[in-house]
Protein backbone atom coordinates (compact mmCIF):
# COMPACT_ATOMS: atom_id res chain seq x y z
CA MET A 1 -0.11 0.10 -0.05
CA ARG A 2 1.56 3.12 -1.16
CA TRP A 3 0.66 5.57 1.45
CA ALA A 4 2.10 3.68 4.60
CA GLY A 5 5.46 5.32 4.40
CA GLN A 6 4.43 8.87 3.78
CA GLN A 7 5.48 11.58 6.10
CA VAL A 8 5.21 15.41 6.30
CA GLY A 9 6.73 16.93 3.12
CA ALA A 10 6.19 14.00 0.95
CA ASP A 11 6.52 14.27 -2.64
CA ILE A 12 2.79 14.06 -3.29
CA PRO A 13 2.68 13.66 -7.10
CA GLY A 14 5.17 10.68 -7.15
CA ALA A 15 4.01 8.93 -3.97
CA LEU A 16 0.17 9.45 -4.19
CA PRO A 17 -0.89 9.03 -7.87
CA GLY A 18 -4.47 8.17 -7.01
CA LEU A 19 -5.10 11.05 -4.61
CA ALA A 20 -2.61 13.84 -5.62
CA LYS A 21 -5.23 15.33 -8.04
CA VAL A 22 -7.46 16.07 -5.10
CA HIS A 23 -5.49 16.23 -2.00
CA ASP A 24 -2.42 17.42 -0.34
CA LEU A 25 -0.92 15.17 2.32
CA VAL A 26 -0.02 17.13 5.63
CA ARG A 27 0.71 14.29 8.14
CA THR A 28 0.55 10.77 8.64
CA THR A 29 -0.09 9.60 12.17
CA ARG A 30 -0.70 6.53 14.27
CA PRO A 31 -2.13 7.48 17.44
CA PRO A 32 -1.65 5.02 20.33
CA GLU A 33 -5.24 5.31 21.43
CA PHE A 34 -6.23 4.08 17.84
CA ALA A 35 -4.52 0.74 17.81
CA GLY A 36 -3.71 -0.74 14.26
CA MET A 37 -5.08 2.51 12.62
CA THR A 38 -3.32 5.04 10.34
CA PHE A 39 -4.61 8.65 9.90
CA TYR A 40 -3.76 10.55 6.67
CA GLU A 41 -4.27 14.12 7.34
CA VAL A 42 -4.96 15.92 4.18
CA ARG A 43 -6.00 19.33 2.90
CA ALA A 44 -8.95 18.92 0.61
CA LYS A 45 -9.64 21.03 -2.39
CA SER A 46 -13.41 20.71 -2.12
CA ALA A 47 -15.88 19.69 0.57
CA LEU A 48 -19.21 19.56 -1.36
CA ASN A 49 -19.55 16.45 -3.56
CA ARG A 50 -22.38 16.30 -6.05
CA VAL A 51 -24.42 13.17 -6.08
CA PRO A 52 -24.03 11.34 -9.44
CA GLY A 53 -27.20 11.45 -11.57
CA HIS A 54 -28.89 13.77 -9.09
CA VAL A 55 -32.03 15.49 -10.65
CA PRO A 56 -31.91 19.37 -9.94
CA GLY A 57 -34.62 20.38 -7.61
CA THR A 58 -34.84 17.18 -5.77
CA PRO A 59 -33.30 16.70 -2.28
CA TYR A 60 -29.84 15.98 -1.31
CA GLY A 61 -27.90 16.37 -4.50
CA TRP A 62 -24.78 17.26 -2.34
CA THR A 63 -23.01 15.34 0.19
CA ILE A 64 -20.14 15.95 2.62
CA ASN A 65 -17.65 13.33 3.88
CA PRO A 66 -15.20 14.76 6.25
CA TYR A 67 -13.31 11.27 6.44
CA ARG A 68 -12.70 8.61 3.91
CA GLY A 69 -12.45 5.11 5.56
CA CYS A 70 -14.25 4.22 8.74
CA SER A 71 -13.35 2.59 11.90
CA HIS A 72 -16.66 0.99 12.52
CA ALA A 73 -15.44 -1.85 10.34
CA CYS A 74 -18.97 -3.08 9.17
CA VAL A 75 -18.48 -6.13 7.22
CA TYR A 76 -21.51 -5.25 4.98
CA CYS A 77 -20.42 -1.58 4.36
CA PHE A 78 -21.31 -0.62 0.83
CA ALA A 79 -18.60 2.07 0.72
CA ARG A 80 -15.56 -0.48 1.11
CA PRO A 81 -14.85 -0.50 -2.53
CA THR A 82 -14.26 3.45 -2.58
CA HIS A 83 -10.86 3.05 -1.05
CA GLN A 84 -9.52 1.42 -4.35
CA TYR A 85 -9.63 4.81 -5.85
CA LEU A 86 -7.12 5.95 -3.14
CA GLU A 87 -4.96 2.96 -4.21
CA PHE A 88 -5.76 0.91 -1.29
CA ASP A 89 -5.75 -2.39 -2.70
CA ASP A 90 -6.52 -4.35 0.58
CA PRO A 91 -10.34 -4.12 1.26
CA GLY A 92 -9.52 -4.30 4.93
CA ALA A 93 -7.63 -0.85 4.58
CA PHE A 94 -11.14 0.86 4.64
CA ASP A 95 -11.48 -0.01 8.37
CA ALA A 96 -7.92 0.89 9.31
CA GLU A 97 -6.55 3.57 6.87
CA VAL A 98 -8.53 6.69 7.38
CA VAL A 99 -8.15 9.96 5.38
CA VAL A 100 -9.05 13.01 7.37
CA LYS A 101 -9.84 16.24 5.63
CA VAL A 102 -8.57 18.49 8.15
CA ASN A 103 -9.61 21.89 6.48
CA VAL A 104 -12.98 20.56 5.34
CA ALA A 105 -14.91 23.23 7.32
CA GLU A 106 -12.91 26.20 5.97
CA VAL A 107 -13.21 24.91 2.35
CA LEU A 108 -16.93 24.24 2.95
CA ARG A 109 -17.42 27.86 4.05
CA ALA A 110 -15.88 29.13 1.14
CA GLU A 111 -17.89 26.93 -1.38
CA LEU A 112 -21.30 28.09 0.51
CA HIS A 113 -20.43 31.68 -0.17
CA ARG A 114 -19.93 31.22 -3.89
CA PRO A 115 -22.65 33.21 -5.92
CA SER A 116 -23.42 29.88 -7.66
CA TRP A 117 -24.49 27.94 -4.63
CA ARG A 118 -28.23 27.86 -4.29
CA GLY A 119 -28.59 26.47 -0.58
CA ASP A 120 -29.64 22.93 -1.82
CA PRO A 121 -30.00 20.33 0.92
CA VAL A 122 -26.82 18.62 2.04
CA ALA A 123 -26.44 15.03 3.25
CA LEU A 124 -23.81 13.77 5.73
CA GLY A 125 -23.05 10.17 6.51
CA THR A 126 -23.79 8.80 2.93
CA ASN A 127 -20.26 7.26 2.34
CA THR A 128 -18.31 7.23 5.67
CA ASP A 129 -19.59 8.02 9.18
CA PRO A 130 -18.96 11.64 10.16
CA TYR A 131 -19.19 10.51 13.82
CA GLN A 132 -16.75 7.54 13.85
CA ARG A 133 -14.14 7.63 16.63
CA ALA A 134 -11.84 9.84 14.70
CA GLU A 135 -14.38 12.75 15.18
CA GLY A 136 -13.55 12.81 18.87
CA ARG A 137 -9.91 13.59 17.87
CA TYR A 138 -10.41 15.96 14.99
CA ARG A 139 -13.72 17.62 15.78
CA LEU A 140 -14.53 18.47 12.15
CA MET A 141 -18.33 18.32 12.42
CA PRO A 142 -18.95 21.42 14.60
CA GLY A 143 -17.24 23.62 12.00
CA ILE A 144 -19.08 21.80 9.32
CA LEU A 145 -22.55 22.31 11.06
CA GLU A 146 -21.74 25.95 11.61
CA ALA A 147 -20.84 26.60 8.09
CA LEU A 148 -24.26 24.86 6.95
CA ALA A 149 -26.26 26.91 9.57
CA ASP A 150 -24.80 30.13 8.65
CA ALA A 151 -25.64 29.41 4.72
CA GLY A 152 -29.19 28.53 5.67
CA THR A 153 -28.71 24.90 4.34
CA PRO A 154 -31.05 21.88 4.96
CA ILE A 155 -29.26 19.10 6.52
CA SER A 156 -29.61 15.32 6.58
CA LEU A 157 -27.49 13.32 8.83
CA LEU A 158 -27.12 9.53 9.18
CA THR A 159 -24.65 7.95 11.59
CA LYS A 160 -23.78 5.15 13.92
CA GLY A 161 -21.78 7.34 16.24
CA THR A 162 -23.03 8.31 19.65
CA LEU A 163 -20.72 11.46 19.51
CA LEU A 164 -23.59 13.09 17.63
CA ARG A 165 -24.85 13.91 21.37
CA ARG A 166 -21.94 16.39 21.61
CA ASP A 167 -23.48 18.48 18.80
CA LEU A 168 -27.18 18.17 19.74
CA PRO A 169 -27.28 21.91 20.98
CA LEU A 170 -25.85 23.01 17.71
CA LEU A 171 -28.28 20.92 15.86
CA ALA A 172 -31.07 22.19 17.74
CA ARG A 173 -30.12 25.69 16.99
CA ILE A 174 -29.83 25.05 13.33
CA ALA A 175 -33.33 23.37 13.30
CA GLU A 176 -34.81 26.66 14.52
CA THR A 177 -34.32 28.13 11.14
CA GLY A 178 -33.95 25.28 8.89
CA ALA A 179 -34.60 21.56 8.29
CA VAL A 180 -32.51 19.10 10.18
CA ASP A 181 -33.32 15.42 9.47
CA LEU A 182 -31.35 12.99 11.84
CA ALA A 183 -31.11 9.29 11.60
CA MET A 184 -29.26 6.79 13.64
CA SER A 185 -28.25 3.46 11.85
CA VAL A 186 -28.78 0.21 14.04
CA ALA A 187 -28.65 -2.89 12.09
CA VAL A 188 -27.97 -5.56 14.93
CA PHE A 189 -29.54 -6.01 18.39
CA ASP A 190 -27.71 -9.10 19.36
CA PRO A 191 -24.45 -7.88 21.35
CA ASP A 192 -22.50 -10.82 20.41
CA LEU A 193 -23.46 -10.78 16.62
CA GLN A 194 -22.80 -7.07 16.66
CA GLU A 195 -19.19 -7.66 17.80
CA LEU A 196 -18.75 -9.79 14.80
CA VAL A 197 -20.56 -7.72 12.27
CA GLU A 198 -19.85 -4.13 13.33
CA PRO A 199 -16.79 -4.35 15.83
CA GLY A 200 -16.04 -0.72 15.86
CA THR A 201 -19.61 0.51 16.52
CA PRO A 202 -21.15 1.65 19.73
CA SER A 203 -23.68 -0.69 21.18
CA ALA A 204 -27.36 -0.66 20.00
CA THR A 205 -28.25 0.42 23.54
CA ALA A 206 -25.83 3.54 23.28
CA ARG A 207 -27.07 4.33 19.85
CA LEU A 208 -30.82 4.27 20.80
CA ALA A 209 -29.84 6.41 23.86
CA THR A 210 -28.39 9.01 21.48
CA VAL A 211 -31.80 8.74 19.54
CA ARG A 212 -33.52 9.32 22.80
CA ALA A 213 -31.37 12.39 23.59
CA ALA A 214 -32.02 13.96 20.12
CA ARG A 215 -35.67 13.65 20.53
CA GLU A 216 -35.59 15.33 24.01
CA ALA A 217 -33.64 18.03 22.42
CA GLY A 218 -36.71 18.61 20.13
CA LEU A 219 -35.12 17.04 17.04
CA GLU A 220 -36.74 14.45 14.62
CA CYS A 221 -34.59 11.39 14.77
CA GLY A 222 -35.42 8.06 13.04
CA VAL A 223 -33.74 4.78 13.03
CA PHE A 224 -32.26 2.94 9.91
CA LEU A 225 -32.84 -0.74 10.66
CA MET A 226 -30.64 -1.70 7.76
CA PRO A 227 -29.28 -3.67 6.55
CA VAL A 228 -31.45 -6.60 7.58
CA LEU A 229 -29.03 -9.63 7.43
CA PRO A 230 -30.66 -12.90 5.87
CA TYR A 231 -30.68 -15.76 8.40
CA LEU A 232 -28.86 -13.64 11.09
CA THR A 233 -31.06 -10.66 11.79
CA ASP A 234 -34.34 -11.34 9.85
CA SER A 235 -36.22 -13.55 12.41
CA VAL A 236 -39.67 -12.33 13.84
CA GLU A 237 -37.83 -12.70 17.30
CA HIS A 238 -34.85 -10.38 16.42
CA LEU A 239 -37.02 -7.83 14.57
CA ASP A 240 -39.52 -7.66 17.12
CA ALA A 241 -36.99 -7.07 19.96
CA ALA A 242 -35.30 -4.50 17.58
CA LEU A 243 -38.59 -2.48 16.90
CA ALA A 244 -39.68 -2.56 20.43
CA ALA A 245 -36.31 -1.04 21.51
CA ILE A 246 -36.48 1.53 18.66
CA ALA A 247 -40.12 2.48 19.77
CA ASP A 248 -39.03 2.78 23.42
CA ALA A 249 -36.30 5.30 22.33
CA GLY A 250 -38.97 7.50 20.86
CA ALA A 251 -37.81 7.12 17.33
CA SER A 252 -39.56 9.24 14.84
CA TYR A 253 -39.71 6.56 12.36
CA VAL A 254 -38.04 3.48 11.09
CA VAL A 255 -36.50 2.57 7.65
CA TRP A 256 -35.51 -1.07 6.68
CA THR A 257 -34.19 -3.04 3.78
CA ALA A 258 -32.42 -6.26 3.23
CA LEU A 259 -28.64 -6.63 2.69
CA HIS A 260 -27.14 -5.51 -0.63
CA LEU A 261 -23.92 -7.07 -1.75
CA LYS A 262 -22.35 -5.12 -4.59
CA PRO A 263 -19.26 -6.01 -6.31
CA GLY A 264 -16.22 -5.19 -3.99
CA VAL A 265 -18.39 -5.89 -0.92
CA ARG A 266 -19.83 -9.31 -1.81
CA GLN A 267 -16.62 -11.22 -1.48
CA TRP A 268 -15.65 -9.57 1.65
CA TYR A 269 -18.84 -10.23 3.23
CA LEU A 270 -19.05 -13.96 2.10
CA GLN A 271 -15.68 -14.64 3.36
CA TRP A 272 -16.67 -13.30 6.84
CA LEU A 273 -19.89 -15.34 6.59
CA HIS A 274 -17.94 -18.50 5.84
CA ARG A 275 -15.74 -17.85 8.79
CA TRP A 276 -18.36 -17.41 11.24
CA PHE A 277 -21.66 -18.90 9.89
CA PRO A 278 -20.57 -21.49 7.36
CA GLN A 279 -23.84 -23.18 7.71
CA HIS A 280 -25.42 -20.35 5.62
CA ASP A 281 -22.98 -20.51 2.66
CA LEU A 282 -25.33 -22.27 0.39
CA ALA A 283 -28.26 -20.29 1.35
CA TYR A 284 -26.48 -17.03 0.65
CA LYS A 285 -25.29 -18.37 -2.68
CA ARG A 286 -28.76 -19.17 -3.57
CA LEU A 287 -30.05 -15.87 -2.42
CA TYR A 288 -27.69 -13.54 -4.21
CA ALA A 289 -27.28 -15.84 -7.33
CA GLY A 290 -29.21 -13.21 -9.24
CA GLY A 291 -27.10 -10.14 -8.32
CA ALA A 292 -26.55 -7.56 -5.61
CA HIS A 293 -30.00 -7.59 -4.20
CA THR A 294 -32.20 -10.33 -2.60
CA PRO A 295 -34.87 -11.65 -4.99
CA LYS A 296 -38.39 -10.09 -4.83
CA GLU A 297 -39.75 -13.39 -3.06
CA TYR A 298 -37.22 -12.79 -0.04
CA ARG A 299 -38.09 -8.98 0.04
CA ARG A 300 -41.89 -9.83 0.20
CA GLY A 301 -41.41 -12.33 3.09
CA LEU A 302 -39.35 -9.72 4.96
CA ALA A 303 -41.95 -7.20 4.54
CA ALA A 304 -44.71 -9.60 5.64
CA ARG A 305 -42.80 -9.94 8.89
CA MET A 306 -42.08 -6.33 9.28
CA GLU A 307 -45.45 -4.69 8.60
CA PRO A 308 -47.41 -6.30 11.74
CA LEU A 309 -44.51 -5.59 13.90
CA LEU A 310 -44.51 -1.92 12.79
CA ARG A 311 -48.21 -1.74 13.77
CA LYS A 312 -47.52 -3.65 17.09
CA HIS A 313 -44.91 -1.02 18.23
CA GLY A 314 -46.62 2.00 16.74
CA LEU A 315 -43.81 2.86 14.46
CA GLU A 316 -44.04 5.12 11.41
CA ARG A 317 -42.18 3.88 8.41
CA GLY A 318 -39.71 6.56 6.80
CA SER A 319 -38.60 7.04 3.43
CA VAL A 320 -35.13 7.29 1.97
CA ASP A 321 -33.85 9.76 -0.64
CA ASP A 322 -33.03 7.86 -3.84
CA ALA A 323 -29.99 9.88 -4.85
CA SER A 324 -28.14 9.90 -1.63
CA GLY A 325 -29.60 7.02 0.50
CA THR A 326 -30.32 9.21 3.45
CA VAL A 327 -33.47 10.07 5.35
CA ARG A 328 -35.83 12.01 3.19
CA SER A 329 -38.46 13.94 5.19
CA ARG A 330 -38.73 17.73 5.83
CA ALA A 331 -36.02 19.03 3.60
CA ALA A 332 -37.81 17.03 0.72
CA GLY A 333 -40.93 18.64 1.51
CA ILE A 334 -39.32 22.24 1.45
CA VAL A 335 -37.85 21.53 -2.02
CA ARG A 336 -41.18 20.34 -3.34
CA ALA A 337 -43.17 23.20 -2.10
CA THR A 338 -40.66 25.87 -3.15
CA ALA A 339 -40.19 24.18 -6.77
CA ALA A 340 -44.07 24.39 -6.99
CA VAL A 341 -44.00 28.11 -7.02
CA ASP A 342 -40.71 28.94 -8.49
CA THR A 343 -38.77 27.24 -11.25
CA GLN A 344 -35.53 28.32 -9.78
CA PRO A 345 -36.07 27.67 -6.01
CA THR A 346 -34.10 29.47 -3.44
CA LEU A 347 -34.27 27.69 0.12
CA PHE A 348 -34.40 29.81 3.08
């Protein structure tokens, strides 16, 4: 892996052919409190990323990712293949080699002040988690949120990180004048299984306590019960316990979907499955024989289990923005309402 030996003052063009076009390496560090991890502190040239294929006038056409790579180490993470662009050839590098955009808030503020910026909704947590453990060290999110607030920008934020609680007062202040849509991702409610599937994440209990804290702060906050893992977390018993805990936390809604195994993730996940649950190898081979998604029959069966449980626990089903994969609620309504009266909408 070409980044491992880089230090301050490295010859960026020769050493980092994959990333030199967009980043400047400031420092490589391996903090003792992050055993086995390496952080590449870089100066980003841009903070806002346009969602590919986004249709103008619809929500969340822009995203911000202050980090690339994620210490949550979720075996099913769809973003794992994105590290190949940075020339990390080992899929496991996504969990241990994290790029930190140390100047992201400064760059974002400048981008939001450009005359061409129209105040479109922005999503965070679409690729890597902005509240992974590294955020406790680098504290990038307060500056990002303050810049978005000053620009009157609607925000969608999806995370597994309980560090979100630190910024709830700031998010509550932003919500006074703009849309703030929060969601906590909690896929596994069995502690032993979670340790295998998501070894770097806070417990489900801690994450739901963060949902409760957000709701008590007056913020809408849903739960992404996803992905549902076939034969591991899709039983009525597991789903019932999960939805009971989600309802008890006061979640605004719940979103769910079955595991999606796209190329670059499929092999990694199936290797993990073979190591820990080889009894399901054949079932997965059959289930995903047709591609990255489970077949319609499986999805219908999962829905048949979920719908009565949602009613039982009094939970509302949420919706997801097709472009970014994040929660789609108040900001979406603002965009639609504004677009109805103005062909060139300006939000806030």
